[in-house]
Structures are given as structure tokens and as C-alpha cells.
N, C-alpha and C. Protein backbone atom coordinates (compact mmCIF):
# COMPACT_ATOMS: atom_id res chain seq x y z
N MET A 1 -4.68 -4.87 -62.16
CA MET A 1 -4.24 -5.94 -61.30
C MET A 1 -4.91 -5.74 -59.93
N ARG A 2 -5.35 -6.81 -59.36
CA ARG A 2 -6.04 -6.74 -58.08
C ARG A 2 -5.07 -6.49 -56.95
N LEU A 3 -5.56 -5.85 -55.89
CA LEU A 3 -4.75 -5.53 -54.74
C LEU A 3 -4.18 -6.79 -54.08
N SER A 4 -4.98 -7.86 -54.02
CA SER A 4 -4.53 -9.11 -53.42
C SER A 4 -3.37 -9.72 -54.21
N LYS A 5 -3.41 -9.58 -55.53
CA LYS A 5 -2.35 -10.10 -56.35
C LYS A 5 -1.07 -9.28 -56.17
N VAL A 6 -1.18 -7.95 -56.02
CA VAL A 6 -0.03 -7.09 -55.77
C VAL A 6 0.60 -7.45 -54.46
N ARG A 7 -0.22 -7.68 -53.44
CA ARG A 7 0.32 -8.07 -52.13
C ARG A 7 1.03 -9.41 -52.21
N ALA A 8 0.51 -10.33 -52.94
CA ALA A 8 1.12 -11.66 -53.10
C ALA A 8 2.49 -11.53 -53.77
N ILE A 9 2.58 -10.66 -54.79
CA ILE A 9 3.89 -10.48 -55.47
C ILE A 9 4.87 -9.79 -54.53
N ALA A 10 4.41 -8.78 -53.80
CA ALA A 10 5.29 -8.10 -52.84
C ALA A 10 5.76 -9.04 -51.75
N ASP A 11 4.82 -9.89 -51.29
CA ASP A 11 5.17 -10.90 -50.27
C ASP A 11 6.25 -11.84 -50.77
N LYS A 12 6.09 -12.31 -51.99
CA LYS A 12 7.05 -13.22 -52.57
C LYS A 12 8.43 -12.55 -52.68
N ARG A 13 8.48 -11.32 -53.09
CA ARG A 13 9.76 -10.60 -53.22
C ARG A 13 10.40 -10.39 -51.88
N SER A 14 9.62 -10.12 -50.82
CA SER A 14 10.18 -9.86 -49.50
C SER A 14 10.77 -11.13 -48.90
N ARG A 15 10.32 -12.30 -49.37
CA ARG A 15 10.87 -13.57 -48.88
C ARG A 15 12.20 -13.87 -49.48
N GLY A 16 12.60 -13.17 -50.53
CA GLY A 16 13.86 -13.43 -51.18
C GLY A 16 13.71 -14.52 -52.22
N ARG A 17 14.80 -14.86 -52.86
CA ARG A 17 14.78 -15.87 -53.91
C ARG A 17 14.42 -17.22 -53.31
N ALA A 18 13.68 -18.00 -54.07
CA ALA A 18 13.31 -19.37 -53.71
C ALA A 18 12.54 -19.43 -52.38
N GLY A 19 11.95 -18.31 -51.95
CA GLY A 19 11.15 -18.34 -50.73
C GLY A 19 11.95 -18.63 -49.49
N ARG A 20 13.17 -18.18 -49.41
CA ARG A 20 14.03 -18.50 -48.26
C ARG A 20 13.85 -17.53 -47.10
N GLY A 21 12.83 -16.73 -47.07
CA GLY A 21 12.65 -15.77 -46.02
C GLY A 21 13.29 -14.45 -46.41
N PRO A 22 13.17 -13.45 -45.54
CA PRO A 22 13.73 -12.14 -45.89
C PRO A 22 15.24 -12.19 -46.07
N SER A 23 15.72 -11.38 -47.00
CA SER A 23 17.18 -11.35 -47.22
C SER A 23 17.86 -10.81 -45.98
N ARG A 24 19.14 -11.15 -45.81
CA ARG A 24 19.89 -10.67 -44.67
C ARG A 24 19.91 -9.14 -44.64
N ARG A 25 19.96 -8.53 -45.81
CA ARG A 25 20.00 -7.07 -45.88
C ARG A 25 18.69 -6.48 -45.29
N ALA A 26 17.56 -7.14 -45.59
CA ALA A 26 16.28 -6.66 -45.09
C ALA A 26 16.18 -6.84 -43.58
N GLN A 27 16.92 -7.76 -43.01
CA GLN A 27 16.85 -8.04 -41.59
C GLN A 27 17.63 -7.00 -40.76
N LEU A 28 18.54 -6.23 -41.36
CA LEU A 28 19.32 -5.27 -40.63
C LEU A 28 18.46 -4.11 -40.21
N ARG A 29 18.75 -3.62 -39.00
CA ARG A 29 18.05 -2.42 -38.54
C ARG A 29 18.46 -1.25 -39.41
N PRO A 30 17.56 -0.32 -39.67
CA PRO A 30 17.84 0.78 -40.63
C PRO A 30 19.15 1.52 -40.37
N GLY A 31 19.45 1.89 -39.14
CA GLY A 31 20.64 2.68 -38.85
C GLY A 31 21.92 1.89 -38.75
N LEU A 32 21.81 0.58 -38.69
CA LEU A 32 22.98 -0.28 -38.50
C LEU A 32 23.99 -0.14 -39.63
N ARG A 33 23.54 -0.05 -40.85
CA ARG A 33 24.45 0.07 -41.99
C ARG A 33 25.22 1.39 -41.92
N ILE A 34 24.56 2.46 -41.53
CA ILE A 34 25.21 3.77 -41.40
C ILE A 34 26.24 3.75 -40.27
N VAL A 35 25.86 3.22 -39.13
CA VAL A 35 26.78 3.13 -37.99
C VAL A 35 27.98 2.26 -38.35
N ALA A 36 27.73 1.13 -39.04
CA ALA A 36 28.83 0.24 -39.47
C ALA A 36 29.74 0.97 -40.43
N GLY A 37 29.19 1.78 -41.33
CA GLY A 37 30.01 2.54 -42.28
C GLY A 37 30.93 3.55 -41.56
N ILE A 38 30.36 4.25 -40.57
CA ILE A 38 31.16 5.21 -39.81
C ILE A 38 32.26 4.47 -39.04
N LEU A 39 31.93 3.37 -38.39
CA LEU A 39 32.92 2.60 -37.65
C LEU A 39 34.01 2.08 -38.61
N LEU A 40 33.58 1.59 -39.76
CA LEU A 40 34.53 1.06 -40.74
C LEU A 40 35.51 2.16 -41.20
N PHE A 41 35.01 3.35 -41.43
CA PHE A 41 35.84 4.47 -41.84
C PHE A 41 36.92 4.77 -40.79
N PHE A 42 36.49 4.94 -39.54
CA PHE A 42 37.46 5.27 -38.48
C PHE A 42 38.39 4.13 -38.15
N TYR A 43 37.89 2.91 -38.18
CA TYR A 43 38.77 1.76 -37.91
C TYR A 43 39.78 1.59 -39.02
N SER A 44 39.37 1.79 -40.27
CA SER A 44 40.31 1.72 -41.39
C SER A 44 41.39 2.77 -41.24
N ALA A 45 41.05 3.98 -40.83
CA ALA A 45 42.03 5.02 -40.63
C ALA A 45 43.02 4.63 -39.54
N ALA A 46 42.52 4.03 -38.47
CA ALA A 46 43.38 3.59 -37.36
C ALA A 46 44.35 2.51 -37.85
N VAL A 47 43.85 1.54 -38.62
CA VAL A 47 44.70 0.44 -39.13
C VAL A 47 45.78 1.02 -40.08
N LEU A 48 45.40 1.94 -40.92
CA LEU A 48 46.38 2.55 -41.81
C LEU A 48 47.45 3.27 -41.00
N TYR A 49 47.06 3.97 -39.96
CA TYR A 49 48.05 4.61 -39.09
C TYR A 49 49.00 3.58 -38.48
N TRP A 50 48.41 2.50 -37.91
CA TRP A 50 49.23 1.45 -37.30
C TRP A 50 50.20 0.82 -38.29
N MET A 51 49.73 0.60 -39.51
CA MET A 51 50.55 -0.09 -40.50
C MET A 51 51.66 0.79 -41.08
N PHE A 52 51.44 2.09 -41.14
CA PHE A 52 52.39 2.95 -41.83
C PHE A 52 53.14 3.94 -40.93
N LEU A 53 52.56 4.30 -39.79
CA LEU A 53 53.19 5.31 -38.92
C LEU A 53 53.37 4.85 -37.49
N GLY A 54 52.46 4.08 -36.97
CA GLY A 54 52.45 3.71 -35.55
C GLY A 54 53.54 2.71 -35.18
N PHE A 55 53.59 2.47 -33.88
CA PHE A 55 54.54 1.50 -33.31
C PHE A 55 55.99 1.85 -33.60
N GLY A 56 56.28 3.14 -33.66
CA GLY A 56 57.64 3.59 -33.86
C GLY A 56 58.22 3.28 -35.24
N ARG A 57 57.39 3.10 -36.23
CA ARG A 57 57.86 2.80 -37.60
C ARG A 57 58.69 3.97 -38.14
N THR A 58 59.76 3.61 -38.75
CA THR A 58 60.57 4.60 -39.44
C THR A 58 60.83 4.13 -40.87
N VAL A 59 61.07 5.07 -41.74
CA VAL A 59 61.33 4.73 -43.14
C VAL A 59 62.78 4.28 -43.22
N ARG A 60 62.99 3.11 -43.83
CA ARG A 60 64.36 2.60 -44.09
C ARG A 60 64.77 3.06 -45.47
N THR A 61 65.74 3.90 -45.56
CA THR A 61 66.16 4.41 -46.86
C THR A 61 67.27 3.56 -47.49
N GLU A 62 67.97 2.81 -46.69
CA GLU A 62 69.07 2.01 -47.21
C GLU A 62 68.69 0.54 -47.31
N GLY A 63 69.42 -0.17 -48.08
CA GLY A 63 69.19 -1.61 -48.21
C GLY A 63 68.06 -1.97 -49.17
N ALA A 64 67.96 -3.26 -49.43
CA ALA A 64 66.95 -3.77 -50.36
C ALA A 64 65.59 -3.78 -49.69
N MET A 65 64.58 -3.81 -50.51
CA MET A 65 63.22 -3.95 -49.99
C MET A 65 63.08 -5.35 -49.42
N GLN A 66 62.34 -5.45 -48.31
CA GLN A 66 62.21 -6.73 -47.65
C GLN A 66 60.90 -7.38 -47.99
N TYR A 67 60.95 -8.68 -48.29
CA TYR A 67 59.73 -9.40 -48.62
C TYR A 67 59.92 -10.88 -48.33
N ASN A 68 58.81 -11.57 -48.15
CA ASN A 68 58.76 -13.01 -47.99
C ASN A 68 57.63 -13.55 -48.84
N LEU A 69 57.95 -14.37 -49.80
CA LEU A 69 56.95 -14.98 -50.68
C LEU A 69 56.71 -16.45 -50.38
N GLU A 70 57.39 -16.97 -49.37
CA GLU A 70 57.27 -18.41 -49.01
C GLU A 70 56.18 -18.56 -47.95
N PRO A 71 55.06 -19.20 -48.28
CA PRO A 71 53.98 -19.34 -47.31
C PRO A 71 54.46 -20.09 -46.04
N LEU A 72 54.03 -19.56 -44.92
CA LEU A 72 54.28 -20.07 -43.56
C LEU A 72 55.73 -20.00 -43.09
N ARG A 73 56.61 -19.36 -43.85
CA ARG A 73 57.97 -19.21 -43.43
C ARG A 73 58.11 -18.40 -42.13
N THR A 74 57.45 -17.23 -42.09
CA THR A 74 57.49 -16.38 -40.90
C THR A 74 56.76 -17.04 -39.75
N VAL A 75 55.64 -17.71 -40.02
CA VAL A 75 54.89 -18.39 -38.98
C VAL A 75 55.76 -19.48 -38.33
N LYS A 76 56.46 -20.26 -39.16
CA LYS A 76 57.36 -21.29 -38.60
C LYS A 76 58.47 -20.67 -37.78
N LEU A 77 58.97 -19.52 -38.23
CA LEU A 77 60.03 -18.82 -37.50
C LEU A 77 59.57 -18.46 -36.09
N TYR A 78 58.32 -17.99 -35.97
CA TYR A 78 57.81 -17.61 -34.65
C TYR A 78 57.52 -18.82 -33.76
N PHE A 79 57.35 -19.98 -34.34
CA PHE A 79 57.17 -21.19 -33.50
C PHE A 79 58.49 -21.86 -33.13
N ASP A 80 59.59 -21.38 -33.72
CA ASP A 80 60.93 -21.86 -33.34
C ASP A 80 61.37 -21.14 -32.07
N MET A 81 61.38 -21.84 -30.96
CA MET A 81 61.65 -21.20 -29.68
C MET A 81 63.11 -20.77 -29.50
N ASP A 82 64.01 -21.18 -30.39
CA ASP A 82 65.42 -20.83 -30.24
C ASP A 82 65.84 -19.67 -31.12
N ASN A 83 64.91 -18.89 -31.65
CA ASN A 83 65.28 -17.83 -32.59
C ASN A 83 65.54 -16.49 -31.92
N GLY A 84 65.36 -16.38 -30.63
CA GLY A 84 65.64 -15.16 -29.90
C GLY A 84 64.54 -14.12 -29.92
N VAL A 85 63.43 -14.39 -30.58
CA VAL A 85 62.32 -13.43 -30.62
C VAL A 85 61.54 -13.61 -29.29
N PRO A 86 61.31 -12.51 -28.55
CA PRO A 86 60.58 -12.63 -27.30
C PRO A 86 59.12 -13.05 -27.54
N PHE A 87 58.53 -13.64 -26.49
CA PHE A 87 57.16 -14.14 -26.59
C PHE A 87 56.20 -13.06 -27.02
N THR A 88 56.32 -11.86 -26.45
CA THR A 88 55.42 -10.78 -26.82
C THR A 88 55.54 -10.42 -28.29
N GLY A 89 56.74 -10.46 -28.85
CA GLY A 89 56.93 -10.24 -30.27
C GLY A 89 56.24 -11.27 -31.12
N ARG A 90 56.31 -12.52 -30.67
CA ARG A 90 55.63 -13.60 -31.39
C ARG A 90 54.12 -13.41 -31.35
N LEU A 91 53.63 -13.11 -30.15
CA LEU A 91 52.20 -12.94 -29.94
C LEU A 91 51.65 -11.77 -30.77
N ILE A 92 52.34 -10.66 -30.75
CA ILE A 92 51.93 -9.49 -31.49
C ILE A 92 51.88 -9.79 -32.99
N ASN A 93 52.89 -10.47 -33.50
CA ASN A 93 52.93 -10.72 -34.94
C ASN A 93 51.95 -11.78 -35.37
N LEU A 94 51.75 -12.82 -34.61
CA LEU A 94 50.82 -13.89 -35.03
C LEU A 94 49.38 -13.52 -34.72
N ALA A 95 49.07 -13.33 -33.44
CA ALA A 95 47.70 -13.05 -33.03
C ALA A 95 47.27 -11.65 -33.51
N GLY A 96 48.20 -10.70 -33.45
CA GLY A 96 47.87 -9.34 -33.84
C GLY A 96 47.44 -9.24 -35.28
N ASN A 97 48.11 -9.92 -36.19
CA ASN A 97 47.75 -9.90 -37.60
C ASN A 97 46.38 -10.49 -37.85
N ILE A 98 45.93 -11.37 -36.99
CA ILE A 98 44.57 -11.95 -37.13
C ILE A 98 43.55 -11.02 -36.47
N ILE A 99 43.79 -10.64 -35.22
CA ILE A 99 42.83 -9.88 -34.44
C ILE A 99 42.53 -8.52 -35.08
N VAL A 100 43.54 -7.86 -35.62
CA VAL A 100 43.35 -6.53 -36.19
C VAL A 100 42.39 -6.56 -37.38
N PHE A 101 42.29 -7.69 -38.08
CA PHE A 101 41.43 -7.74 -39.27
C PHE A 101 40.06 -8.34 -38.99
N ILE A 102 39.79 -8.78 -37.77
CA ILE A 102 38.44 -9.32 -37.43
C ILE A 102 37.37 -8.26 -37.64
N PRO A 103 37.56 -7.02 -37.20
CA PRO A 103 36.49 -6.02 -37.42
C PRO A 103 36.14 -5.83 -38.89
N PHE A 104 37.08 -6.00 -39.81
CA PHE A 104 36.75 -5.87 -41.21
C PHE A 104 35.79 -6.95 -41.68
N GLY A 105 35.96 -8.16 -41.15
CA GLY A 105 35.05 -9.26 -41.49
C GLY A 105 33.65 -9.06 -40.96
N VAL A 106 33.50 -8.20 -39.94
CA VAL A 106 32.17 -7.88 -39.40
C VAL A 106 31.62 -6.65 -40.11
N LEU A 107 32.39 -5.59 -40.20
CA LEU A 107 31.89 -4.30 -40.66
C LEU A 107 31.65 -4.22 -42.17
N ILE A 108 32.56 -4.78 -42.94
CA ILE A 108 32.43 -4.69 -44.40
C ILE A 108 31.13 -5.34 -44.90
N PRO A 109 30.79 -6.57 -44.47
CA PRO A 109 29.53 -7.14 -44.89
C PRO A 109 28.30 -6.40 -44.38
N LEU A 110 28.43 -5.71 -43.24
CA LEU A 110 27.30 -4.93 -42.77
C LEU A 110 27.07 -3.71 -43.64
N VAL A 111 28.15 -3.12 -44.13
CA VAL A 111 28.05 -1.95 -45.01
C VAL A 111 27.65 -2.36 -46.43
N GLN A 112 28.21 -3.43 -46.91
CA GLN A 112 27.96 -3.88 -48.28
C GLN A 112 27.41 -5.33 -48.23
N ALA A 113 26.10 -5.49 -48.27
CA ALA A 113 25.45 -6.79 -48.06
C ALA A 113 25.94 -7.87 -49.03
N ARG A 114 26.32 -7.49 -50.24
CA ARG A 114 26.74 -8.52 -51.22
C ARG A 114 28.07 -9.16 -50.82
N LEU A 115 28.77 -8.59 -49.83
CA LEU A 115 30.02 -9.17 -49.34
C LEU A 115 29.82 -10.04 -48.13
N ARG A 116 28.59 -10.46 -47.87
CA ARG A 116 28.31 -11.36 -46.75
C ARG A 116 28.61 -12.80 -47.10
N ASN A 117 29.03 -13.06 -48.31
CA ASN A 117 29.40 -14.38 -48.77
C ASN A 117 30.90 -14.53 -48.61
N VAL A 118 31.35 -15.65 -48.10
CA VAL A 118 32.80 -15.83 -47.82
C VAL A 118 33.61 -15.70 -49.11
N PHE A 119 33.09 -16.18 -50.21
CA PHE A 119 33.83 -16.13 -51.47
C PHE A 119 34.00 -14.68 -51.95
N THR A 120 32.90 -13.95 -51.98
CA THR A 120 32.99 -12.57 -52.46
C THR A 120 33.77 -11.68 -51.51
N LEU A 121 33.65 -11.94 -50.20
CA LEU A 121 34.44 -11.17 -49.23
C LEU A 121 35.92 -11.47 -49.43
N THR A 122 36.26 -12.72 -49.71
CA THR A 122 37.66 -13.10 -49.95
C THR A 122 38.17 -12.44 -51.22
N LEU A 123 37.35 -12.40 -52.26
CA LEU A 123 37.74 -11.76 -53.52
C LEU A 123 38.00 -10.26 -53.33
N TRP A 124 37.34 -9.65 -52.35
CA TRP A 124 37.58 -8.25 -52.04
C TRP A 124 38.78 -8.10 -51.12
N ALA A 125 38.89 -8.96 -50.11
CA ALA A 125 39.93 -8.81 -49.08
C ALA A 125 41.33 -9.07 -49.59
N VAL A 126 41.51 -10.11 -50.40
CA VAL A 126 42.86 -10.48 -50.84
C VAL A 126 43.55 -9.33 -51.60
N PRO A 127 42.93 -8.74 -52.61
CA PRO A 127 43.62 -7.60 -53.29
C PRO A 127 43.84 -6.43 -52.34
N SER A 128 42.91 -6.18 -51.43
CA SER A 128 43.09 -5.08 -50.48
C SER A 128 44.29 -5.28 -49.59
N ILE A 129 44.40 -6.50 -49.04
CA ILE A 129 45.52 -6.79 -48.16
C ILE A 129 46.83 -6.82 -48.97
N LEU A 130 46.80 -7.35 -50.18
CA LEU A 130 48.01 -7.31 -51.05
C LEU A 130 48.46 -5.88 -51.29
N LEU A 131 47.53 -4.98 -51.49
CA LEU A 131 47.85 -3.56 -51.68
C LEU A 131 48.53 -2.99 -50.45
N LEU A 132 47.97 -3.26 -49.28
CA LEU A 132 48.56 -2.77 -48.04
C LEU A 132 49.97 -3.31 -47.83
N GLU A 133 50.14 -4.59 -48.02
CA GLU A 133 51.46 -5.24 -47.86
C GLU A 133 52.46 -4.66 -48.87
N SER A 134 52.02 -4.49 -50.08
CA SER A 134 52.92 -3.93 -51.11
C SER A 134 53.33 -2.49 -50.80
N LEU A 135 52.36 -1.70 -50.31
CA LEU A 135 52.68 -0.32 -49.95
C LEU A 135 53.65 -0.26 -48.77
N GLN A 136 53.50 -1.16 -47.81
CA GLN A 136 54.46 -1.20 -46.70
C GLN A 136 55.89 -1.42 -47.23
N MET A 137 56.02 -2.34 -48.16
CA MET A 137 57.35 -2.61 -48.73
C MET A 137 57.84 -1.46 -49.59
N LEU A 138 57.00 -0.94 -50.47
CA LEU A 138 57.43 0.10 -51.39
C LEU A 138 57.74 1.43 -50.67
N LEU A 139 56.99 1.70 -49.61
CA LEU A 139 57.24 2.91 -48.83
C LEU A 139 58.33 2.72 -47.77
N ARG A 140 58.80 1.46 -47.70
CA ARG A 140 59.89 1.07 -46.80
C ARG A 140 59.59 1.30 -45.33
N VAL A 141 58.34 1.06 -44.94
CA VAL A 141 57.98 1.15 -43.54
C VAL A 141 57.67 -0.24 -42.97
N GLY A 142 57.92 -1.23 -43.74
CA GLY A 142 57.70 -2.62 -43.36
C GLY A 142 58.11 -3.52 -44.49
N SER A 143 57.62 -4.72 -44.45
CA SER A 143 57.97 -5.68 -45.49
C SER A 143 56.70 -6.29 -46.09
N PHE A 144 56.82 -6.83 -47.25
CA PHE A 144 55.77 -7.64 -47.85
C PHE A 144 55.93 -9.04 -47.35
N ASP A 145 54.94 -9.58 -46.67
CA ASP A 145 55.03 -10.95 -46.13
C ASP A 145 53.72 -11.69 -46.48
N VAL A 146 53.86 -12.75 -47.27
CA VAL A 146 52.68 -13.54 -47.65
C VAL A 146 52.01 -14.13 -46.42
N ASP A 147 52.77 -14.36 -45.35
CA ASP A 147 52.18 -14.87 -44.12
C ASP A 147 51.26 -13.83 -43.48
N ASP A 148 51.61 -12.55 -43.59
CA ASP A 148 50.72 -11.52 -43.08
C ASP A 148 49.39 -11.52 -43.85
N LEU A 149 49.47 -11.75 -45.17
CA LEU A 149 48.27 -11.85 -45.98
C LEU A 149 47.40 -13.00 -45.46
N LEU A 150 48.00 -14.15 -45.22
CA LEU A 150 47.24 -15.31 -44.75
C LEU A 150 46.64 -15.05 -43.38
N LEU A 151 47.41 -14.49 -42.47
CA LEU A 151 46.89 -14.20 -41.13
C LEU A 151 45.80 -13.15 -41.13
N ASN A 152 45.99 -12.09 -41.95
CA ASN A 152 44.96 -11.07 -42.07
C ASN A 152 43.67 -11.66 -42.62
N LEU A 153 43.79 -12.53 -43.62
CA LEU A 153 42.63 -13.17 -44.22
C LEU A 153 41.90 -14.06 -43.20
N ILE A 154 42.65 -14.76 -42.39
CA ILE A 154 42.03 -15.54 -41.31
C ILE A 154 41.24 -14.63 -40.39
N GLY A 155 41.77 -13.44 -40.11
CA GLY A 155 41.06 -12.47 -39.28
C GLY A 155 39.77 -12.04 -39.94
N VAL A 156 39.79 -11.75 -41.22
CA VAL A 156 38.57 -11.35 -41.95
C VAL A 156 37.54 -12.47 -41.89
N TRP A 157 37.99 -13.70 -42.13
CA TRP A 157 37.07 -14.83 -42.07
C TRP A 157 36.49 -15.02 -40.67
N ALA A 158 37.33 -14.84 -39.63
CA ALA A 158 36.85 -14.95 -38.24
C ALA A 158 35.79 -13.91 -37.99
N GLY A 159 35.98 -12.71 -38.49
CA GLY A 159 34.99 -11.66 -38.32
C GLY A 159 33.68 -12.02 -39.00
N LEU A 160 33.76 -12.59 -40.18
CA LEU A 160 32.55 -13.01 -40.89
C LEU A 160 31.81 -14.12 -40.14
N ILE A 161 32.57 -15.03 -39.54
CA ILE A 161 31.95 -16.09 -38.71
C ILE A 161 31.25 -15.48 -37.52
N ILE A 162 31.87 -14.49 -36.88
CA ILE A 162 31.25 -13.80 -35.77
C ILE A 162 29.96 -13.11 -36.21
N LEU A 163 30.02 -12.46 -37.38
CA LEU A 163 28.84 -11.79 -37.92
C LEU A 163 27.71 -12.80 -38.16
N TYR A 164 28.03 -13.94 -38.77
CA TYR A 164 27.04 -15.00 -39.03
C TYR A 164 26.45 -15.48 -37.73
N ARG A 165 27.28 -15.61 -36.72
CA ARG A 165 26.83 -16.17 -35.43
C ARG A 165 25.83 -15.24 -34.73
N PHE A 166 26.01 -13.92 -34.89
CA PHE A 166 25.18 -12.98 -34.14
C PHE A 166 24.12 -12.27 -34.99
N THR A 167 23.97 -12.65 -36.27
CA THR A 167 22.89 -12.05 -37.06
C THR A 167 21.99 -13.14 -37.59
């Protein structure tokens, strides 16, 4: 095979499928994936701490396990101004559940390029968040709330949008 033909084939492969230019993975700086992986590891550890130990969480040994399977029930509760929940509590629960998961929407696709698609990232994120919510309930350090799943997922999507915007 001639050298010019080998270069043409290599050129075609570097442009990606259907000649769309270099793949997003090829565009990343070499060390970025490693740095993102390290950040993802430490941020994940921090989130696990916050979800299971932080903020004065204690294990409830008495009573039934707490859960909410009705979508937007908790969100509606926080928008009801007569429920006695202070503004900071509302803000922490609504915005906090979104903001805390934004870094995952940025870091996970940087570490694993195949998760840069909203569909595949969602297929990964939903079971992961369901596991965390279930563990909170089973370990009795919180409750399972489908609204937390929705808010966390919005955070992951927001992170992916930020990643798309800046890469």
C-alpha cells in the first residue's frame, strides 16, 4: 500500500464517522481525562459523605422507612408558602439537589467519552441516583424521594449542557 493511501485512510479515521471532524474524545487535552477522573473520585467521595454522614445526619432506628413515589409531591410542598418550612430549607432542598449533581454532568463525560450523549448519560445516571436514594432509605439516614431523583437528574443534564457549551 502506498504511503499516500495510508495517510488518506488515517486522515479519514481522524475525522470521525461521516467526516464530521475529529471526535470529541480526540479534541480533549491529554491530561484532562486524568484530572477529570481524579476530581470525579474526590467529588464522589464528598457527595457520599454529604448524603450519608454530613449535615448532622443520624440513623433513625424506629419507625417505618420514609419514601415518596409521587412525582413533584415534595417540590409542590416546598412551593407552598404556608407549610412552615423556612426559605433556607426550601432553597437547600430544591437548588441543592440540582447544584450538587452538576459536576457529575461535566466530569463523567470527560472521563468516559461515550457518556457525552444525553441519552447514554441518562441511562447511567438514573440507576446510580436510584441506588443512592435507596441506600439512604435502607440505611435510615434519609428517605427515598422520586423528586430528588428528578432534581439530581436535572443537575446532571445542566452539567452536560455546561460541558457542551465550553468544549
